[in-house]
Protein backbone atom coordinates (compact mmCIF):
# COMPACT_ATOMS: atom_id res chain seq x y z
CA UNK A 1 184.39 159.21 156.33
CA UNK A 2 184.04 157.34 153.00
CA UNK A 3 184.25 154.19 152.93
CA UNK A 4 184.71 151.92 149.57
CA UNK A 5 185.44 148.03 148.39
CA UNK A 6 186.80 146.70 145.45
CA UNK A 7 186.04 142.63 145.87
CA UNK A 8 188.62 142.01 142.92
CA UNK A 9 191.56 143.56 144.80
CA UNK A 10 193.09 144.98 141.40
CA UNK A 11 196.02 147.24 141.33
CA UNK A 12 194.29 149.55 138.81
CA UNK A 13 191.40 150.25 141.21
CA UNK A 14 193.45 151.21 144.40
CA UNK A 15 195.62 153.76 142.34
CA UNK A 16 192.61 155.03 141.05
CA UNK A 17 190.80 155.55 144.48
CA UNK A 18 193.75 156.76 145.96
CA UNK A 19 194.36 159.81 143.10
CA UNK A 20 190.57 160.24 144.15
CA UNK A 21 191.24 160.78 147.58
CA UNK A 22 194.04 162.80 146.87
CA UNK A 23 192.40 165.46 145.04
CA UNK A 24 189.65 165.27 147.36
CA UNK A 25 190.11 168.72 149.87
CA UNK A 26 187.57 166.90 152.72
CA UNK A 27 189.74 163.60 152.80
CA UNK A 28 192.58 163.91 155.32
CA UNK A 29 194.01 160.50 155.41
CA UNK A 30 193.44 157.16 153.83
CA UNK A 31 192.63 153.96 155.84
CA UNK A 32 193.60 150.76 153.94
CA UNK A 33 192.52 147.09 154.64
CA UNK A 34 193.52 144.73 151.99
CA UNK A 35 193.95 140.85 151.54
CA UNK A 36 197.18 139.03 151.57
CA UNK A 37 195.27 136.93 148.55
CA UNK A 38 195.32 139.88 146.28
CA UNK A 39 198.69 138.97 144.45
CA UNK A 40 200.13 142.23 144.06
CA UNK A 41 203.34 142.76 142.51
CA UNK A 42 206.66 142.70 144.96
CA UNK A 43 207.52 146.21 145.70
CA UNK A 44 204.40 147.90 144.03
CA UNK A 45 202.42 148.88 147.42
CA UNK A 46 205.65 150.40 148.85
CA UNK A 47 206.06 152.67 145.78
CA UNK A 48 202.52 153.78 146.12
CA UNK A 49 202.15 154.39 149.64
CA UNK A 50 205.39 156.62 149.31
CA UNK A 51 204.19 158.65 146.34
CA UNK A 52 200.79 159.81 148.50
CA UNK A 53 200.78 163.29 150.07
CA UNK A 54 198.37 162.13 152.41
CA UNK A 55 198.92 159.62 154.98
CA UNK A 56 198.11 156.11 154.10
CA UNK A 57 197.89 153.47 156.87
CA UNK A 58 196.08 150.04 157.53
CA UNK A 59 197.32 146.58 156.84
CA UNK A 60 197.34 143.43 155.01
CA UNK A 61 194.60 140.58 156.89
CA UNK A 62 193.77 137.12 155.97
CA UNK A 63 190.29 138.17 154.98
CA UNK A 64 187.91 141.04 154.51
CA UNK A 65 184.35 141.59 156.05
CA UNK A 66 182.43 144.01 153.79
CA UNK A 67 178.93 143.85 152.30
CA UNK A 68 177.52 141.85 154.35
CA UNK A 69 179.95 138.85 154.06
CA UNK A 70 183.37 137.59 153.95
CA UNK A 71 186.25 138.04 151.35
CA UNK A 72 189.70 136.15 150.36
CA UNK A 73 190.30 139.11 148.03
CA UNK A 74 189.18 142.62 148.12
CA UNK A 75 190.68 145.96 149.24
CA UNK A 76 188.49 148.06 151.66
CA UNK A 77 189.70 151.86 151.19
CA UNK A 78 188.17 154.14 153.68
CA UNK A 79 189.12 158.10 153.41
CA UNK A 80 188.92 160.08 156.71
CA UNK A 81 187.75 163.63 157.29
CA UNK A 82 190.04 163.80 159.87
CA UNK A 83 193.83 163.21 160.19
CA UNK A 84 195.00 161.01 162.74
CA UNK A 85 197.78 160.75 165.21
CA UNK A 86 199.82 157.84 163.87
CA UNK A 87 202.70 155.79 165.54
CA UNK A 88 204.86 153.19 164.05
CA UNK A 89 206.41 150.77 166.34
CA UNK A 90 209.21 148.45 164.25
CA UNK A 91 211.24 145.58 165.29
CA UNK A 92 208.45 144.62 168.03
CA UNK A 93 210.15 141.58 168.89
CA UNK A 94 213.39 143.21 169.80
CA UNK A 95 213.17 142.91 173.60
CA UNK A 96 215.49 146.06 173.71
CA UNK A 97 212.89 148.47 172.18
CA UNK A 98 211.32 150.59 175.10
CA UNK A 99 207.94 150.39 174.41
CA UNK A 100 206.62 151.82 177.01
CA UNK A 101 209.19 154.90 176.12
CA UNK A 102 208.01 155.10 172.20
CA UNK A 103 203.98 154.89 173.27
CA UNK A 104 204.71 157.80 175.33
CA UNK A 105 205.67 160.02 172.65
CA UNK A 106 202.58 159.88 170.78
CA UNK A 107 201.47 163.37 170.06
CA UNK A 108 199.23 164.86 172.26
CA UNK A 109 198.95 163.50 175.80
CA UNK A 110 196.50 160.78 176.23
CA UNK A 111 194.75 162.16 179.56
CA UNK A 112 193.23 165.15 177.50
CA UNK A 113 191.49 162.44 175.47
CA UNK A 114 187.92 160.82 176.21
CA UNK A 115 185.93 157.60 175.05
CA UNK A 116 183.93 160.06 173.41
CA UNK A 117 186.32 161.94 171.44
CA UNK A 118 188.96 159.38 170.51
CA UNK A 119 189.70 155.90 169.30
CA UNK A 120 192.67 154.07 169.73
CA UNK A 121 193.09 151.26 166.58
CA UNK A 122 196.41 148.99 167.05
CA UNK A 123 197.24 147.27 164.09
CA UNK A 124 200.01 144.56 164.85
CA UNK A 125 202.08 141.94 162.85
CA UNK A 126 199.88 138.79 164.37
CA UNK A 127 202.54 136.30 163.85
CA UNK A 128 205.72 138.35 165.78
CA UNK A 129 206.61 138.23 169.68
CA UNK A 130 206.18 141.45 171.34
CA UNK A 131 202.37 141.99 171.41
CA UNK A 132 202.03 141.27 174.83
CA UNK A 133 204.68 144.27 176.02
CA UNK A 134 202.78 146.36 173.50
CA UNK A 135 199.93 145.68 175.10
CA UNK A 136 200.82 146.18 178.83
CA UNK A 137 202.57 149.77 177.43
CA UNK A 138 199.53 151.17 175.61
CA UNK A 139 197.25 150.19 178.86
CA UNK A 140 199.66 152.03 181.17
CA UNK A 141 199.77 154.85 179.17
CA UNK A 142 196.16 155.22 178.12
CA UNK A 143 194.43 153.39 181.01
CA UNK A 144 190.72 153.35 180.69
CA UNK A 145 190.45 156.83 179.05
CA UNK A 146 189.69 155.75 175.74
CA UNK A 147 188.59 152.62 173.68
CA UNK A 148 191.21 150.60 172.19
CA UNK A 149 190.68 148.10 169.58
CA UNK A 150 192.74 146.33 166.57
CA UNK A 151 194.01 142.84 165.67
CA UNK A 152 196.96 141.24 164.04
CA UNK A 153 197.56 140.87 160.55
CA UNK A 154 199.10 138.74 158.51
CA UNK A 155 198.38 135.89 155.99
CA UNK A 156 196.13 133.02 155.86
CA UNK A 157 198.87 130.63 155.65
CA UNK A 158 200.43 131.56 158.95
CA UNK A 159 203.73 132.43 157.01
CA UNK A 160 205.82 135.74 158.34
CA UNK A 161 205.52 138.49 155.40
CA UNK A 162 204.94 142.31 155.90
CA UNK A 163 201.69 143.19 156.57
CA UNK A 164 201.58 146.61 158.38
CA UNK A 165 200.84 149.35 155.77
CA UNK A 166 202.44 152.93 156.96
CA UNK A 167 203.30 156.17 154.97
CA UNK A 168 206.25 155.06 154.83
CA UNK A 169 205.70 151.31 153.20
CA UNK A 170 204.59 148.06 154.67
CA UNK A 171 206.45 146.51 157.20
CA UNK A 172 206.98 143.12 159.03
CA UNK A 173 207.45 142.70 162.96
CA UNK A 174 205.61 145.84 163.37
CA UNK A 175 202.80 147.53 164.66
CA UNK A 176 201.26 150.88 164.05
CA UNK A 177 198.96 152.60 166.47
CA UNK A 178 196.38 155.28 165.20
CA UNK A 179 194.34 157.84 167.22
CA UNK A 180 191.22 158.32 165.60
CA UNK A 181 189.22 161.72 166.28
CA UNK A 182 185.96 159.36 166.67
CA UNK A 183 183.97 158.49 169.90
CA UNK A 184 182.91 154.96 169.76
CA UNK A 185 181.40 152.19 172.10
CA UNK A 186 183.16 148.44 171.77
CA UNK A 187 182.13 145.25 172.67
CA UNK A 188 184.16 142.05 172.62
CA UNK A 189 182.98 138.65 173.35
CA UNK A 190 184.08 134.76 172.48
CA UNK A 191 181.67 132.42 173.83
CA UNK A 192 184.23 129.62 174.63
CA UNK A 193 184.03 128.09 178.00
CA UNK A 194 186.45 125.52 179.94
CA UNK A 195 185.82 121.63 179.40
CA UNK A 196 189.00 120.80 181.58
CA UNK A 197 190.07 121.41 185.00
CA UNK A 198 192.64 124.23 185.51
CA UNK A 199 196.26 123.68 184.92
CA UNK A 200 199.36 125.85 185.96
CA UNK A 201 201.57 127.13 183.24
CA UNK A 202 205.24 125.48 184.60
CA UNK A 203 207.22 126.42 181.78
CA UNK A 204 206.50 128.79 178.67
CA UNK A 205 208.93 130.54 176.38
CA UNK A 206 207.11 133.70 174.71
CA UNK A 207 204.36 131.69 172.59
CA UNK A 208 205.32 128.16 173.48
CA UNK A 209 203.89 126.25 176.43
CA UNK A 210 206.63 124.00 177.73
CA UNK A 211 204.85 122.14 180.49
CA UNK A 212 201.43 122.08 182.61
CA UNK A 213 201.77 120.91 185.92
CA UNK A 214 205.22 120.17 185.19
CA UNK A 215 204.00 117.35 182.35
CA UNK A 216 204.62 118.16 178.81
CA UNK A 217 202.03 120.52 177.35
CA UNK A 218 201.39 118.20 174.41
CA UNK A 219 200.72 115.01 176.68
CA UNK A 220 198.25 117.00 178.84
CA UNK A 221 196.15 118.43 175.68
CA UNK A 222 196.19 114.55 174.46
CA UNK A 223 194.75 113.58 177.54
CA UNK A 224 192.04 116.17 177.86
CA UNK A 225 190.82 115.56 173.81
CA UNK A 226 190.57 112.04 174.40
CA UNK A 227 189.00 112.51 177.92
CA UNK A 228 186.15 114.80 176.85
CA UNK A 229 186.17 114.52 173.19
CA UNK A 230 186.59 111.13 172.59
CA UNK A 231 189.31 111.73 169.77
CA UNK A 232 192.69 110.31 169.11
CA UNK A 233 195.22 113.20 168.34
CA UNK A 234 197.57 112.87 165.76
CA UNK A 235 199.91 115.52 164.23
CA UNK A 236 197.87 115.34 161.01
CA UNK A 237 194.68 116.03 163.15
CA UNK A 238 196.17 118.57 165.58
CA UNK A 239 195.41 121.97 163.38
CA UNK A 240 191.57 120.67 162.99
CA UNK A 241 191.19 119.54 166.71
CA UNK A 242 192.84 122.42 168.21
CA UNK A 243 190.55 124.98 166.30
CA UNK A 244 187.37 123.45 168.03
CA UNK A 245 189.60 123.27 171.38
CA UNK A 246 191.66 126.60 171.96
CA UNK A 247 193.06 126.90 175.78
CA UNK A 248 191.90 129.61 177.57
CA UNK A 249 193.73 131.90 180.26
CA UNK A 250 191.66 132.35 183.56
CA UNK A 251 190.77 135.99 184.50
CA UNK A 252 188.76 137.18 187.59
CA UNK A 253 185.00 138.49 186.85
CA UNK A 254 185.26 138.28 183.33
CA UNK A 255 185.59 135.61 180.14
CA UNK A 256 188.72 133.51 179.85
CA UNK A 257 191.40 134.51 177.16
CA UNK A 258 191.32 132.26 174.53
CA UNK A 259 194.97 131.54 173.10
CA UNK A 260 194.84 129.30 169.61
CA UNK A 261 196.90 126.20 169.72
CA UNK A 262 198.57 126.41 166.33
CA UNK A 263 201.34 123.79 166.19
CA UNK A 264 203.14 121.33 168.33
CA UNK A 265 207.15 121.65 168.25
CA UNK A 266 209.21 118.48 168.35
CA UNK A 267 209.74 118.92 172.29
CA UNK A 268 206.60 118.06 173.02
CA UNK A 269 205.72 122.33 173.53
CA UNK A 270 202.41 123.89 172.39
CA UNK A 271 203.01 126.75 169.55
CA UNK A 272 200.30 129.36 170.56
CA UNK A 273 198.93 132.55 168.74
CA UNK A 274 200.23 134.74 171.52
CA UNK A 275 202.11 134.70 174.73
CA UNK A 276 201.14 132.47 177.41
CA UNK A 277 203.69 133.66 180.62
CA UNK A 278 204.48 130.52 182.93
CA UNK A 279 202.15 130.82 186.40
CA UNK A 280 198.82 131.40 184.50
CA UNK A 281 196.04 129.19 185.19
CA UNK A 282 194.68 127.69 181.82
CA UNK A 283 191.73 125.52 180.74
CA UNK A 284 191.27 123.46 177.70
CA UNK A 285 187.80 125.25 176.02
CA UNK A 286 184.95 123.96 173.62
CA UNK A 287 182.27 125.96 172.16
CA UNK A 288 179.37 125.55 169.67
CA UNK A 289 178.65 127.48 166.69
CA UNK A 290 175.46 128.28 168.49
CA UNK A 291 177.65 129.45 171.52
CA UNK A 292 179.82 132.04 169.12
CA UNK A 293 176.82 133.50 167.81
CA UNK A 294 175.06 134.32 171.16
CA UNK A 295 178.68 135.97 171.83
CA UNK A 296 178.56 138.10 168.43
CA UNK A 297 175.17 139.43 169.70
CA UNK A 298 176.50 140.09 173.31
CA UNK A 299 179.58 142.09 171.34
CA UNK A 300 177.21 144.08 169.30
CA UNK A 301 174.64 144.93 172.03
CA UNK A 302 177.50 146.24 174.31
CA UNK A 303 179.18 148.40 171.30
CA UNK A 304 175.70 149.55 170.92
CA UNK A 305 174.94 150.36 174.37
CA UNK A 306 178.31 151.86 175.40
CA UNK A 307 177.70 154.45 172.32
CA UNK A 308 174.45 155.32 173.70
CA UNK A 309 175.78 156.23 177.11
CA UNK A 310 178.06 158.64 175.42
CA UNK A 311 175.57 160.85 173.73
CA UNK A 312 174.85 162.54 176.81
CA UNK A 313 178.27 164.24 176.10
CA UNK A 314 177.09 165.14 172.77
CA UNK A 315 178.56 162.09 170.82
CA UNK A 316 175.73 161.34 168.30
CA UNK A 317 175.69 157.60 166.82
CA UNK A 318 176.41 156.81 163.52
CA UNK A 319 175.06 153.41 161.66
CA UNK A 320 179.08 152.47 161.14
CA UNK A 321 180.79 149.64 162.84
CA UNK A 322 184.31 148.18 162.55
CA UNK A 323 184.91 144.93 163.32
CA UNK A 324 187.99 142.47 164.15
CA UNK A 325 186.66 139.18 163.99
CA UNK A 326 189.26 136.20 164.20
CA UNK A 327 190.35 134.33 161.31
CA UNK A 328 190.33 130.94 163.30
CA UNK A 329 186.70 131.63 164.61
CA UNK A 330 185.18 131.71 160.77
CA UNK A 331 187.06 128.60 160.00
CA UNK A 332 185.29 127.11 163.05
CA UNK A 333 182.03 128.70 162.29
CA UNK A 334 182.50 127.58 158.42
CA UNK A 335 179.01 128.62 156.63
CA UNK A 336 177.53 130.15 160.10
CA UNK A 337 180.36 133.35 159.87
CA UNK A 338 177.69 134.37 157.43
CA UNK A 339 175.17 134.54 160.37
CA UNK A 340 177.60 136.37 162.47
CA UNK A 341 178.10 138.83 160.30
CA UNK A 342 174.40 139.18 159.91
CA UNK A 343 174.08 139.53 163.71
CA UNK A 344 176.66 142.06 163.96
CA UNK A 345 174.61 144.16 161.75
CA UNK A 346 171.75 144.43 163.63
CA UNK A 347 168.99 143.79 161.35
CA UNK A 348 171.11 145.79 158.25
CA UNK A 349 170.87 148.67 160.88
CA UNK A 350 174.62 148.85 160.92
CA UNK A 351 177.00 148.78 158.05
CA UNK A 352 179.74 146.42 159.46
CA UNK A 353 183.21 146.26 157.38
CA UNK A 354 186.48 145.17 158.80
CA UNK A 355 188.97 142.22 158.88
CA UNK A 356 189.65 138.93 159.89
CA UNK A 357 192.57 138.51 161.96
CA UNK A 358 195.32 136.69 163.62
CA UNK A 359 194.29 138.08 167.27
CA UNK A 360 192.52 140.67 168.38
CA UNK A 361 193.21 143.86 170.79
CA UNK A 362 190.33 145.13 172.95
CA UNK A 363 189.64 147.09 176.30
CA UNK A 364 186.10 148.47 175.87
CA UNK A 365 187.13 151.24 177.72
CA UNK A 366 185.69 149.28 181.19
CA UNK A 367 188.13 146.40 181.64
CA UNK A 368 192.19 145.75 181.08
CA UNK A 369 193.41 145.76 177.52
CA UNK A 370 194.03 142.12 176.09
CA UNK A 371 195.23 140.42 173.19
CA UNK A 372 192.77 137.85 172.16
CA UNK A 373 192.19 134.92 170.09
CA UNK A 374 189.33 133.30 168.53
CA UNK A 375 186.90 136.69 169.60
CA UNK A 376 184.71 139.18 168.18
CA UNK A 377 185.56 142.61 168.62
CA UNK A 378 182.91 145.64 167.34
CA UNK A 379 183.50 149.31 167.34
CA UNK A 380 180.14 151.08 166.85
CA UNK A 381 181.31 154.73 166.06
CA UNK A 382 179.85 158.10 166.66
CA UNK A 383 178.98 160.13 163.74
CA UNK A 384 181.71 162.23 161.88
CA UNK A 385 181.28 165.34 160.53
CA UNK A 386 180.78 163.91 157.19
CA UNK A 387 178.34 161.39 156.27
CA UNK A 388 179.73 157.72 156.01
CA UNK A 389 178.72 155.92 152.51
CA UNK A 390 179.82 152.03 151.65
CA UNK A 391 180.00 151.45 148.14
CA UNK A 392 180.90 148.32 146.16
CA UNK A 393 182.72 149.34 142.54
C-alpha cells in the first residue's frame, strides 16, 4: 500500500498519480479520497475513472485528514498491493432494492474470512436514506467475523451530490463496499453523555422525528435546551445549538448512538443525520472538548489492543491507521481538532490518514454494527506484504 497526498487537490496531480499507479505492477487497485471543495470540472472525474485499467474506488468527503492535520482541499491516493472485492449498491433510498440479496452476492463467502485477514470498508452517500437497511444487511451477512468500518460521503454544505467513487464513475444515492485483504483492529467512541431524561420516539419518518412522548419533537428539544443550557432556541441559532446538543439513542451495555440534528421542518419535526425509528428511547446529549478528546484516546487504544490480540494469528501490526471522523464533531472541537488528530497518532507512532464524514459506520468486530454521528472510528491495519509510506507532493 502506497499512500500519497496532494494538499492542492489539483487535476494534473491526480492524473499523474493514477498514471504512475497504472504502470506499477505491484499496485492492483487504487483507493481515492478527495474533498468536494477541489473544484474539479463537471464530468472530468467520471471520464478519468472509466479510463483506468485498475479499479479506482472511494469517495468525495467534506474534509481529509493527512500529515497530522485536517484539510478542506486535497486528494489522498492510496495504491493497494491487493485487489479488493468491490460491491456497488445504487439507488440506496429505493425501498424496493433488496439490500440483503445484493450484499449476499459479494464474491467469496463472508464466513471464510476473519478479522485477521479481512476488513470491510463501507462508503455511503451520507445524505441518502436506506443507510439503516444497508447496515442491517451487512451485519446479518457478516456478523462479527470481520471488522466493518466506514462513513458517509458528501459535501460540507450538506447539499445532495454525487460522492461515491466507483470504477464506472461517481454516484449519488449509493454505497460502495470494499473487502480489503488486511487484518485490523477497530475502535469507536464519541464522548457524548445524556443531559436530559429519556423520551420515546412516538412518531418518525425515516430521518425525521415527528414527536417525542406524543409532543412535537422541536418543542421538546426547545424545552430541554432552555432547561439545561439556559439558551432560547431560535431558527437562526438552531445549527449552532444543535451541534453542541445532539440526540442519543439508548443502547444496552454500550454508549448511546449519537444522531445530529441538522434542521427543523415546518411541522415541528427534527431532521437528523440518519434514521431514528419509532419506539427508540432517546436523550438530549452534551459534552466538553475534553470529553471528546478522551473518547478519541479510547478509540485509539481499543484499535491498537484489538490488533495486538491478532498477533497470535500471525497478523503483524503496521504503523498505519485509517480514521473516519465526524465533520460536525470537528466543527464542535474547532482548533482542538488538531489535538484529536495528535492523540490518534499516539505520539506520532501511527501514521493516521482518513476523512471527515457525514456519519460513521463501525462494529469493531465485537458488537452490533451501527451508523453513528459525532463519533471517531479508527482502524489500525495489520502489516501488508509491502511497506507503506505517506508522501506529501
